[in-house]
Amino acid sequence: MNQGGPDRAPGPDRAPGTDRLRVTLVKSCHGQLANIAASVRGLGLRRRHQTVTVANTPQNRGMIARAVHLLKVEESGS
């Protein structure tokens, strides 16, 4: 199984040119489980309506999946 590096071809779940994700916190972490709040903080989000741009990696996708009900995610080409 090819885990590959930068020369790896995009897979079916990753379109070319979408190596960054814009993530916005739209709901508060208050009252959420500690692991969900930690995932939001791990993405670099501190307060509501804050937007950060993160790399489209399996690690960041996992943190987004953990807190998807609190976030808005958009693909960014840059």
Protein backbone atom coordinates (compact mmCIF):
# COMPACT_ATOMS: atom_id res chain seq x y z
CA MET A 1 0.00 0.00 0.00
CA ASN A 2 1.51 3.30 -1.08
CA GLN A 3 1.47 5.87 1.71
CA GLY A 4 3.44 8.13 -0.61
CA GLY A 5 4.84 11.59 -0.21
CA PRO A 6 4.34 14.84 -2.09
CA ASP A 7 4.50 13.05 -5.44
CA ARG A 8 1.50 10.88 -4.56
CA ALA A 9 -1.43 11.09 -6.97
CA PRO A 10 -4.68 12.44 -5.53
CA GLY A 11 -7.06 9.74 -4.35
CA PRO A 12 -10.78 9.58 -5.02
CA ASP A 13 -11.57 11.59 -1.87
CA ARG A 14 -9.03 14.31 -2.64
CA ALA A 15 -9.41 16.52 -5.69
CA PRO A 16 -6.36 18.15 -7.26
CA GLY A 17 -5.61 21.61 -5.88
CA THR A 18 -7.52 21.13 -2.62
CA ASP A 19 -4.58 20.74 -0.28
CA ARG A 20 -5.97 23.26 2.24
CA LEU A 21 -9.25 23.48 4.17
CA ARG A 22 -10.94 26.58 5.59
CA VAL A 23 -12.49 25.64 8.94
CA THR A 24 -14.84 27.97 10.84
CA LEU A 25 -16.14 27.38 14.37
CA VAL A 26 -19.88 28.14 14.14
CA LYS A 27 -21.00 26.74 17.52
CA SER A 28 -19.40 26.96 20.94
CA CYS A 29 -17.39 24.12 22.49
CA HIS A 30 -18.93 24.86 25.87
CA GLY A 31 -20.61 21.74 27.24
CA GLN A 32 -18.95 19.40 24.73
CA LEU A 33 -16.87 16.38 25.69
CA ALA A 34 -13.22 17.12 26.41
CA ASN A 35 -11.98 15.20 23.35
CA ILE A 36 -14.23 17.25 21.05
CA ALA A 37 -13.06 20.53 22.57
CA ALA A 38 -9.44 19.35 22.29
CA SER A 39 -9.94 18.57 18.60
CA VAL A 40 -11.29 22.07 17.99
CA ARG A 41 -8.33 23.60 19.83
CA GLY A 42 -5.98 21.32 17.90
CA LEU A 43 -7.28 22.85 14.68
CA GLY A 44 -6.32 26.27 16.03
CA LEU A 45 -9.83 27.51 16.74
CA ARG A 46 -10.39 29.45 19.95
CA ARG A 47 -13.64 31.40 19.57
CA ARG A 48 -16.86 31.32 17.59
CA HIS A 49 -16.82 32.61 14.01
CA GLN A 50 -13.02 32.31 13.86
CA THR A 51 -11.71 30.84 10.60
CA VAL A 52 -8.40 29.04 10.11
CA THR A 53 -6.80 27.40 7.10
CA VAL A 54 -5.35 23.94 7.75
CA ALA A 55 -3.68 21.32 5.61
CA ASN A 56 -5.90 18.61 4.14
CA THR A 57 -4.30 15.70 6.00
CA PRO A 58 -5.82 12.57 7.54
CA GLN A 59 -4.97 13.93 11.01
CA ASN A 60 -6.83 17.19 10.46
CA ARG A 61 -9.71 15.36 8.75
CA GLY A 62 -10.01 13.19 11.86
CA MET A 63 -10.21 16.22 14.15
CA ILE A 64 -12.80 17.79 11.83
CA ALA A 65 -14.84 14.57 11.83
CA ARG A 66 -14.82 14.54 15.65
CA ALA A 67 -16.31 18.05 15.84
CA VAL A 68 -18.18 18.29 12.52
CA HIS A 69 -21.39 19.38 14.27
CA LEU A 70 -19.61 22.56 15.48
CA LEU A 71 -17.72 23.44 12.29
CA LYS A 72 -18.18 24.73 8.77
CA VAL A 73 -15.59 23.29 6.37
CA GLU A 74 -14.77 24.63 2.90
CA GLU A 75 -12.11 23.49 0.45
CA SER A 76 -9.49 26.10 -0.33
CA GLY A 77 -7.20 25.86 -3.35
CA SER A 78 -4.32 27.80 -1.78
